[in-house]
Amino acid sequence: MNYFQSTPNPTQGDFTLVSDEMEGAKQVELFSVQGSLIQSWTWPKEELKFEIHTRGLTSGVYIIKVNGSHAQQIIIH
């Protein structure tokens, strides 16, 4: 994967990841800024978009990683 975007960011709840290509299933992980794994998902290979549900998470800054290397900061209000 060359690129992904999280939208909306910041978010009041759920957000969507958008990829520039389909290249097989992708592992998506949500981490706290302290590095603790909060949750993980498998992004199906045939999808360019993947919705993340954040209900139950406290407001704050999180890190979203795709395939263990591509990372972005996400802010949840």
Protein backbone atom coordinates (compact mmCIF):
# COMPACT_ATOMS: atom_id res chain seq x y z
CA MET A 1 0.00 0.00 0.00
CA ASN A 2 1.42 3.32 -1.03
CA TYR A 3 -1.08 5.61 0.64
CA PHE A 4 -4.09 5.78 2.92
CA GLN A 5 -6.14 8.64 4.30
CA SER A 6 -8.38 8.81 7.36
CA THR A 7 -11.47 10.96 7.09
CA PRO A 8 -12.82 12.88 8.91
CA ASN A 9 -9.85 13.73 11.09
CA PRO A 10 -10.43 14.94 13.74
CA THR A 11 -13.57 12.88 14.26
CA GLN A 12 -16.50 12.90 16.66
CA GLY A 13 -16.98 9.16 16.19
CA ASP A 14 -16.50 6.77 13.31
CA PHE A 15 -14.04 7.44 10.51
CA THR A 16 -13.16 5.90 7.16
CA LEU A 17 -9.81 4.78 5.81
CA VAL A 18 -9.38 5.26 2.06
CA SER A 19 -6.64 3.49 0.08
CA ASP A 20 -5.19 4.29 -3.32
CA GLU A 21 -5.03 0.62 -4.35
CA MET A 22 -6.33 -2.89 -3.77
CA GLU A 23 -3.44 -5.21 -3.00
CA GLY A 24 -4.78 -7.94 -0.76
CA ALA A 25 -6.10 -7.94 2.76
CA LYS A 26 -4.56 -5.31 5.02
CA GLN A 27 -4.03 -5.43 8.78
CA VAL A 28 -5.31 -2.28 10.52
CA GLU A 29 -4.28 -1.51 14.11
CA LEU A 30 -5.31 1.29 16.46
CA PHE A 31 -2.79 2.28 19.14
CA SER A 32 -2.80 4.72 22.02
CA VAL A 33 -0.07 7.38 21.88
CA GLN A 34 1.67 5.36 24.61
CA GLY A 35 1.96 2.45 22.15
CA SER A 36 -0.71 0.10 23.56
CA LEU A 37 -2.71 -1.80 20.97
CA ILE A 38 -6.38 -0.82 21.38
CA GLN A 39 -7.99 -2.81 18.57
CA SER A 40 -7.20 -4.49 15.25
CA TRP A 41 -9.16 -5.32 12.10
CA THR A 42 -8.65 -6.95 8.72
CA TRP A 43 -9.35 -4.64 5.78
CA PRO A 44 -10.75 -6.85 2.97
CA LYS A 45 -8.62 -6.92 -0.18
CA GLU A 46 -11.45 -5.96 -2.53
CA GLU A 47 -12.31 -2.73 -0.66
CA LEU A 48 -10.77 0.72 -1.24
CA LYS A 49 -12.62 2.08 1.84
CA PHE A 50 -12.82 0.67 5.37
CA GLU A 51 -14.97 2.11 8.17
CA ILE A 52 -13.63 2.21 11.74
CA HIS A 53 -16.10 2.40 14.63
CA THR A 54 -14.74 4.28 17.65
CA ARG A 55 -17.70 4.13 20.02
CA GLY A 56 -16.52 3.57 23.56
CA LEU A 57 -13.10 5.15 23.08
CA THR A 58 -12.18 8.14 25.18
CA SER A 59 -11.34 11.42 23.49
CA GLY A 60 -7.70 11.77 22.58
CA VAL A 61 -4.96 11.16 20.06
CA TYR A 62 -4.49 7.69 18.56
CA ILE A 63 -2.20 6.15 15.97
CA ILE A 64 -3.66 4.07 13.15
CA LYS A 65 -1.28 1.68 11.36
CA VAL A 66 -1.89 -0.28 8.19
CA ASN A 67 0.23 -3.37 7.53
CA GLY A 68 2.46 -2.49 10.47
CA SER A 69 4.28 0.40 8.84
CA HIS A 70 2.04 3.03 7.27
CA ALA A 71 0.87 5.18 10.20
CA GLN A 72 -1.29 8.26 10.77
CA GLN A 73 -2.42 10.16 13.81
CA ILE A 74 -6.18 10.29 14.40
CA ILE A 75 -7.87 12.66 16.86
CA ILE A 76 -11.12 11.56 18.49
CA HIS A 77 -13.28 14.17 20.26
